[in-house]
Each structure stands twice: as C-alpha cells, then as structure tokens.
Amino acid sequence: MAYIYILATILLTVYGQLVIKWQVDLAGELPPAFESKIIYILRLLFNPWVISGFISAFFAAISWMIALSKLPLSYAYPFTSLSFIFVPFISVFVFKEAISIQQIVGLFFVVLGVVIGSQR
C-alpha cells in the first residue's frame, strides 16, 4: 500500500506542474511593469486551474506523509525523482516541447538511480 501513496505523490506532483505550466503559457509572458506583474501573478493565483495545481500539491504532501509512515525516507525518497521523468516526457506531447538526446540520457540515469536506490 505504501507504493500506492508514493505513486499518488508522484502523479499529483506531475499534475500540478503540468497544469501550472499550461496556465502560465495561456497567461503569456510576465509583463515588464511592476504593477502589471502584480496583476499577472494575482490572476494566476486566483485561476481555478492553478488553484487545482496547489491543491494537488497539498494532497501530494499528505500522500507523502502517509508513505513515509510506512517506509524509510532513504528508501522512499528516490522514487519522487520519477516526476522528473514524467514531466519532461508529457511536456513533449502536451506542450510540443523539444527534448534533447542529452536530456534523454540524463533522464535514463535518473531512472537508473531509482532502480539502484530502491534495492534493499
């Protein structure tokens, strides 16, 4: 069951990152004027989608606490790096972002690190 909480933590984290990126893209670039920056940020902070990203981060934290009640931190923590795998690959499909071979190699090493780190 602890692995379900780790998976929930990862998926909720990924959801929050992707939703916030989506809404920031829709909002456009940060304006140069200070007052405009404040309005820009406030609009994002009160955007229902961005709020859902914050809520997902809250539930990810709760899920993480539950996972840590069942597993040692040194064992569970490497799994959280899987969000570093999911976000870039999903971004390629959803946001049409490019991913370089260097990034792919780096992500491979992250996965390798999780595999090695998860050995008991």
C-alpha atoms as a PDB file:
ATOM      1  CA  MET A   1       0.000   0.000   0.000  1.00  0.00           C
ATOM      2  CA  ALA A   2       2.907   2.363   0.650  1.00  0.00           C
ATOM      3  CA  TYR A   3       3.790   2.256  -3.043  1.00  0.00           C
ATOM      4  CA  ILE A   4       0.300   3.461  -3.917  1.00  0.00           C
ATOM      5  CA  TYR A   5       0.917   6.536  -1.762  1.00  0.00           C
ATOM      6  CA  ILE A   6       4.268   7.117  -3.436  1.00  0.00           C
ATOM      7  CA  LEU A   7       2.605   6.805  -6.845  1.00  0.00           C
ATOM      8  CA  ALA A   8      -0.140   9.219  -5.760  1.00  0.00           C
ATOM      9  CA  THR A   9       2.528  11.667  -4.609  1.00  0.00           C
ATOM     10  CA  ILE A  10       4.259  11.473  -7.976  1.00  0.00           C
ATOM     11  CA  LEU A  11       1.078  11.737 -10.053  1.00  0.00           C
ATOM     12  CA  LEU A  12      -0.298  14.642  -8.035  1.00  0.00           C
ATOM     13  CA  THR A  13       3.038  16.440  -8.329  1.00  0.00           C
ATOM     14  CA  VAL A  14       3.159  15.878 -12.086  1.00  0.00           C
ATOM     15  CA  TYR A  15      -0.440  17.070 -12.463  1.00  0.00           C
ATOM     16  CA  GLY A  16       0.323  20.271 -10.566  1.00  0.00           C
ATOM     17  CA  GLN A  17       3.425  21.036 -12.646  1.00  0.00           C
ATOM     18  CA  LEU A  18       1.665  20.442 -15.946  1.00  0.00           C
ATOM     19  CA  VAL A  19      -1.465  22.415 -15.061  1.00  0.00           C
ATOM     20  CA  ILE A  20       0.528  25.390 -13.817  1.00  0.00           C
ATOM     21  CA  LYS A  21       2.700  25.343 -16.963  1.00  0.00           C
ATOM     22  CA  TRP A  22      -0.449  25.197 -19.115  1.00  0.00           C
ATOM     23  CA  GLN A  23      -1.996  28.191 -17.383  1.00  0.00           C
ATOM     24  CA  VAL A  24       1.240  30.205 -17.393  1.00  0.00           C
ATOM     25  CA  ASP A  25       1.518  29.575 -21.137  1.00  0.00           C
ATOM     26  CA  LEU A  26      -2.040  30.825 -21.594  1.00  0.00           C
ATOM     27  CA  ALA A  27      -1.310  33.926 -19.485  1.00  0.00           C
ATOM     28  CA  GLY A  28       1.684  34.839 -21.641  1.00  0.00           C
ATOM     29  CA  GLU A  29       4.984  36.350 -20.597  1.00  0.00           C
ATOM     30  CA  LEU A  30       5.446  38.226 -17.360  1.00  0.00           C
ATOM     31  CA  PRO A  31       4.920  41.929 -18.163  1.00  0.00           C
ATOM     32  CA  PRO A  32       7.796  44.368 -17.570  1.00  0.00           C
ATOM     33  CA  ALA A  33       5.944  46.947 -15.421  1.00  0.00           C
ATOM     34  CA  PHE A  34       5.788  46.224 -11.674  1.00  0.00           C
ATOM     35  CA  GLU A  35       2.046  46.875 -11.365  1.00  0.00           C
ATOM     36  CA  SER A  36       1.370  44.631 -14.348  1.00  0.00           C
ATOM     37  CA  LYS A  37       3.491  41.894 -12.779  1.00  0.00           C
ATOM     38  CA  ILE A  38       1.362  42.023  -9.627  1.00  0.00           C
ATOM     39  CA  ILE A  39      -1.857  41.778 -11.647  1.00  0.00           C
ATOM     40  CA  TYR A  40      -0.394  38.949 -13.727  1.00  0.00           C
ATOM     41  CA  ILE A  41       0.560  36.962 -10.617  1.00  0.00           C
ATOM     42  CA  LEU A  42      -2.765  37.636  -8.882  1.00  0.00           C
ATOM     43  CA  ARG A  43      -4.682  36.467 -11.942  1.00  0.00           C
ATOM     44  CA  LEU A  44      -2.690  33.250 -11.910  1.00  0.00           C
ATOM     45  CA  LEU A  45      -3.083  32.777  -8.159  1.00  0.00           C
ATOM     46  CA  PHE A  46      -6.870  33.025  -8.439  1.00  0.00           C
ATOM     47  CA  ASN A  47      -7.107  30.947 -11.605  1.00  0.00           C
ATOM     48  CA  PRO A  48      -9.147  27.796 -10.794  1.00  0.00           C
ATOM     49  CA  TRP A  49      -6.715  25.579 -12.691  1.00  0.00           C
ATOM     50  CA  VAL A  50      -3.706  26.980 -10.845  1.00  0.00           C
ATOM     51  CA  ILE A  51      -5.587  26.562  -7.579  1.00  0.00           C
ATOM     52  CA  SER A  52      -6.181  22.916  -8.536  1.00  0.00           C
ATOM     53  CA  GLY A  53      -2.408  22.597  -9.014  1.00  0.00           C
ATOM     54  CA  PHE A  54      -1.846  23.964  -5.498  1.00  0.00           C
ATOM     55  CA  ILE A  55      -4.479  21.609  -4.129  1.00  0.00           C
ATOM     56  CA  SER A  56      -2.775  18.692  -5.862  1.00  0.00           C
ATOM     57  CA  ALA A  57       0.499  19.724  -4.191  1.00  0.00           C
ATOM     58  CA  PHE A  58      -1.294  19.718  -0.833  1.00  0.00           C
ATOM     59  CA  PHE A  59      -2.673  16.219  -1.404  1.00  0.00           C
ATOM     60  CA  ALA A  60       0.720  15.078  -2.701  1.00  0.00           C
ATOM     61  CA  ALA A  61       2.197  16.204   0.615  1.00  0.00           C
ATOM     62  CA  ILE A  62      -0.458  14.294   2.556  1.00  0.00           C
ATOM     63  CA  SER A  63       0.126  11.206   0.449  1.00  0.00           C
ATOM     64  CA  TRP A  64       3.872  11.587   1.007  1.00  0.00           C
ATOM     65  CA  MET A  65       3.416  11.770   4.770  1.00  0.00           C
ATOM     66  CA  ILE A  66       1.379   8.579   4.699  1.00  0.00           C
ATOM     67  CA  ALA A  67       4.015   6.857   2.544  1.00  0.00           C
ATOM     68  CA  LEU A  68       6.732   7.929   4.968  1.00  0.00           C
ATOM     69  CA  SER A  69       4.780   6.451   7.861  1.00  0.00           C
ATOM     70  CA  LYS A  70       5.191   3.082   6.149  1.00  0.00           C
ATOM     71  CA  LEU A  71       8.659   3.307   4.566  1.00  0.00           C
ATOM     72  CA  PRO A  72      12.072   4.721   5.490  1.00  0.00           C
ATOM     73  CA  LEU A  73      12.806   8.089   3.897  1.00  0.00           C
ATOM     74  CA  SER A  74      16.101   6.813   2.461  1.00  0.00           C
ATOM     75  CA  TYR A  75      14.165   4.142   0.568  1.00  0.00           C
ATOM     76  CA  ALA A  76      11.081   6.156  -0.472  1.00  0.00           C
ATOM     77  CA  TYR A  77      12.727   9.426  -1.483  1.00  0.00           C
ATOM     78  CA  PRO A  78      14.440   8.263  -4.696  1.00  0.00           C
ATOM     79  CA  PHE A  79      11.024   7.368  -6.138  1.00  0.00           C
ATOM     80  CA  THR A  80       9.989  11.028  -6.079  1.00  0.00           C
ATOM     81  CA  SER A  81      12.551  11.708  -8.790  1.00  0.00           C
ATOM     82  CA  LEU A  82      10.285   9.830 -11.189  1.00  0.00           C
ATOM     83  CA  SER A  83       8.322  13.052 -11.526  1.00  0.00           C
ATOM     84  CA  PHE A  84      11.460  14.399 -13.256  1.00  0.00           C
ATOM     85  CA  ILE A  85      10.874  11.694 -15.868  1.00  0.00           C
ATOM     86  CA  PHE A  86       7.139  12.103 -16.351  1.00  0.00           C
ATOM     87  CA  VAL A  87       7.021  15.907 -16.618  1.00  0.00           C
ATOM     88  CA  PRO A  88       9.521  16.255 -19.497  1.00  0.00           C
ATOM     89  CA  PHE A  89       8.068  13.362 -21.497  1.00  0.00           C
ATOM     90  CA  ILE A  90       4.492  14.535 -21.067  1.00  0.00           C
ATOM     91  CA  SER A  91       5.609  18.079 -21.946  1.00  0.00           C
ATOM     92  CA  VAL A  92       6.861  16.797 -25.285  1.00  0.00           C
ATOM     93  CA  PHE A  93       3.366  15.597 -26.177  1.00  0.00           C
ATOM     94  CA  VAL A  94       1.194  18.196 -24.452  1.00  0.00           C
ATOM     95  CA  PHE A  95       3.246  21.367 -24.943  1.00  0.00           C
ATOM     96  CA  LYS A  96       5.213  20.267 -28.025  1.00  0.00           C
ATOM     97  CA  GLU A  97       8.461  20.960 -26.178  1.00  0.00           C
ATOM     98  CA  ALA A  98      11.685  19.587 -27.590  1.00  0.00           C
ATOM     99  CA  ILE A  99      13.769  17.121 -25.641  1.00  0.00           C
ATOM    100  CA  SER A 100      17.427  16.662 -26.490  1.00  0.00           C
ATOM    101  CA  ILE A 101      19.405  13.462 -26.522  1.00  0.00           C
ATOM    102  CA  GLN A 102      21.394  14.831 -23.567  1.00  0.00           C
ATOM    103  CA  GLN A 103      18.168  15.221 -21.590  1.00  0.00           C
ATOM    104  CA  ILE A 104      17.100  11.693 -22.505  1.00  0.00           C
ATOM    105  CA  VAL A 105      20.447  10.335 -21.347  1.00  0.00           C
ATOM    106  CA  GLY A 106      20.173  12.318 -18.123  1.00  0.00           C
ATOM    107  CA  LEU A 107      16.645  11.011 -17.533  1.00  0.00           C
ATOM    108  CA  PHE A 108      17.906   7.483 -18.145  1.00  0.00           C
ATOM    109  CA  PHE A 109      20.432   7.991 -15.349  1.00  0.00           C
ATOM    110  CA  VAL A 110      17.667   9.253 -13.062  1.00  0.00           C
ATOM    111  CA  VAL A 111      15.719   6.035 -13.708  1.00  0.00           C
ATOM    112  CA  LEU A 112      18.868   4.006 -13.173  1.00  0.00           C
ATOM    113  CA  GLY A 113      19.406   5.825  -9.887  1.00  0.00           C
ATOM    114  CA  VAL A 114      15.861   4.979  -8.774  1.00  0.00           C
ATOM    115  CA  VAL A 115      16.381   1.317  -9.682  1.00  0.00           C
ATOM    116  CA  ILE A 116      19.680   1.155  -7.815  1.00  0.00           C
ATOM    117  CA  GLY A 117      18.396   3.200  -4.883  1.00  0.00           C
ATOM    118  CA  SER A 118      15.318   1.055  -4.474  1.00  0.00           C
ATOM    119  CA  GLN A 119      17.322  -2.101  -3.867  1.00  0.00           C
ATOM    120  CA  ARG A 120      17.128  -3.232  -0.274  1.00  0.00           C
END
